[in-house]
Protein backbone atom coordinates (compact mmCIF):
# COMPACT_ATOMS: atom_id res chain seq x y z
CA MET A 1 -57.94 -30.87 -21.78
CA LYS A 2 -56.77 -27.21 -21.60
CA ASN A 3 -58.25 -26.97 -18.13
CA LEU A 4 -56.34 -30.05 -17.01
CA ILE A 5 -53.02 -28.66 -18.23
CA ALA A 6 -53.70 -25.26 -16.66
CA LEU A 7 -54.58 -26.97 -13.35
CA ALA A 8 -51.35 -29.04 -13.50
CA LEU A 9 -49.22 -25.98 -14.19
CA ALA A 10 -50.92 -23.95 -11.47
CA THR A 11 -50.42 -26.61 -8.80
CA ALA A 12 -46.84 -27.58 -9.82
CA PRO A 13 -45.08 -24.71 -7.97
CA ALA A 14 -47.16 -25.41 -4.90
CA ALA A 15 -46.13 -29.03 -5.02
CA VAL A 16 -42.43 -28.07 -5.23
CA LEU A 17 -42.80 -25.60 -2.40
CA ALA A 18 -44.62 -28.15 -0.24
CA ALA A 19 -41.88 -30.81 -0.80
CA PRO A 20 -40.07 -31.69 2.47
CA ALA A 21 -36.64 -30.10 2.79
CA GLY A 22 -33.58 -32.26 3.20
CA PRO A 23 -31.82 -32.59 6.51
CA ALA A 24 -30.25 -29.41 7.89
CA PRO A 25 -26.45 -29.13 7.54
CA SER A 26 -24.37 -29.79 10.63
CA PRO A 27 -23.23 -26.61 12.45
CA LEU A 28 -19.72 -28.09 12.59
CA GLN A 29 -19.45 -28.52 8.81
CA LEU A 30 -18.08 -25.02 8.09
CA PRO A 31 -15.39 -24.98 10.82
CA ILE A 32 -14.26 -28.45 9.77
CA MET A 33 -13.99 -27.39 6.14
CA LEU A 34 -12.09 -24.22 7.06
CA ALA A 35 -9.66 -26.19 9.24
CA ALA A 36 -9.09 -28.70 6.41
CA PHE A 37 -8.41 -25.87 3.94
CA PHE A 38 -5.98 -24.16 6.33
CA LEU A 39 -4.16 -27.51 6.90
CA ILE A 40 -3.79 -28.18 3.16
CA PHE A 41 -2.64 -24.57 2.57
CA TRP A 42 -0.08 -24.86 5.37
CA LEU A 43 1.29 -28.23 4.16
CA MET A 44 1.47 -27.33 0.48
CA VAL A 45 2.47 -23.66 0.48
CA TRP A 46 3.56 -22.16 3.81
CA ARG A 47 5.84 -24.87 5.20
CA PRO A 48 7.90 -25.52 1.99
CA GLN A 49 8.31 -21.79 1.39
CA SER A 50 9.57 -21.20 4.94
CA LYS A 51 12.02 -24.13 4.60
CA ARG A 52 13.44 -22.68 1.38
CA ALA A 53 13.79 -19.23 2.93
CA LYS A 54 15.56 -20.65 5.99
CA ALA A 55 17.96 -22.68 3.79
CA HIS A 56 18.73 -19.58 1.68
CA LYS A 57 19.35 -17.48 4.77
CA ASN A 58 21.78 -20.04 6.04
CA LEU A 59 23.53 -20.19 2.69
CA ILE A 60 24.03 -16.42 2.68
CA ALA A 61 25.26 -16.36 6.29
CA GLU A 62 27.86 -19.13 5.66
CA LEU A 63 29.48 -17.57 2.57
CA SER A 64 33.17 -16.93 2.82
CA LYS A 65 36.16 -16.11 0.64
CA GLY A 66 37.07 -18.92 -1.73
CA ASP A 67 33.55 -20.46 -1.98
CA GLU A 68 32.21 -21.15 -5.48
CA VAL A 69 28.70 -19.77 -6.04
CA LEU A 70 26.01 -19.52 -8.63
CA THR A 71 23.90 -16.35 -8.91
CA ASN A 72 20.21 -16.03 -9.80
CA ALA A 73 21.35 -14.81 -13.26
CA GLY A 74 23.26 -18.07 -13.82
CA ILE A 75 26.71 -16.58 -13.37
CA ALA A 76 29.20 -18.95 -11.69
CA GLY A 77 32.20 -17.58 -9.86
CA LYS A 78 34.53 -17.64 -6.88
CA VAL A 79 33.84 -15.43 -3.89
CA MET A 80 36.64 -12.86 -3.46
CA LYS A 81 35.19 -10.54 -0.76
CA VAL A 82 32.15 -10.62 1.50
CA THR A 83 30.73 -7.48 3.15
CA ASP A 84 27.47 -6.92 5.07
CA ASP A 85 25.17 -6.50 2.05
CA TYR A 86 27.39 -7.21 -0.98
CA ILE A 87 29.62 -9.97 -2.28
CA GLN A 88 32.35 -9.72 -4.91
CA VAL A 89 32.61 -12.69 -7.26
CA GLU A 90 35.49 -13.39 -9.66
CA VAL A 91 33.94 -14.79 -12.84
CA ALA A 92 37.13 -14.82 -14.89
CA GLU A 93 40.76 -13.83 -14.41
CA ASN A 94 40.85 -10.11 -13.36
CA THR A 95 37.06 -9.85 -13.73
CA VAL A 96 35.27 -9.25 -10.47
CA LEU A 97 31.57 -8.51 -10.27
CA SER A 98 29.65 -7.20 -7.21
CA PHE A 99 26.32 -8.72 -6.25
CA GLN A 100 23.88 -8.32 -3.44
CA LYS A 101 24.02 -11.29 -1.13
CA SER A 102 20.39 -12.09 -1.89
CA ALA A 103 21.35 -12.66 -5.56
CA ILE A 104 23.27 -15.80 -4.69
CA ALA A 105 21.18 -18.83 -5.62
CA ALA A 106 23.45 -21.76 -4.65
CA ALA A 107 26.86 -22.73 -3.38
CA LEU A 108 28.73 -25.00 -5.79
CA PRO A 109 31.08 -27.82 -4.75
CA LYS A 110 34.81 -26.95 -4.79
CA GLY A 111 36.38 -27.38 -8.22
CA THR A 112 33.12 -26.98 -10.19
CA ILE A 113 34.32 -23.82 -12.00
CA LYS A 114 37.54 -25.50 -13.14
CA ALA A 115 35.49 -28.45 -14.46
CA ILE A 116 33.30 -26.16 -16.57
């Protein structure tokens, strides 16, 4: 009995090694997977981010005196002066704050500040 078990254990690795291998993977499998990954990445990350950046750039370029804006910090105010890099926003009577243009998050519809 011991001899039979020893023989079975000794021949088991040989039987596993002698088993026929599965079919070889296609040489196109890797390039197709990489292309699919790149497509998903582009659709879900790159394209939406570039659209947001383009919309923000247009928002900053179109700012003018009298526009009502909202900053990244949540401060709402009326644009008093626009320079190359900075913008002055009136947040209350006789209270004007200076912000970088990139700190503007959104343009508000006219009359929003009075409604608040």
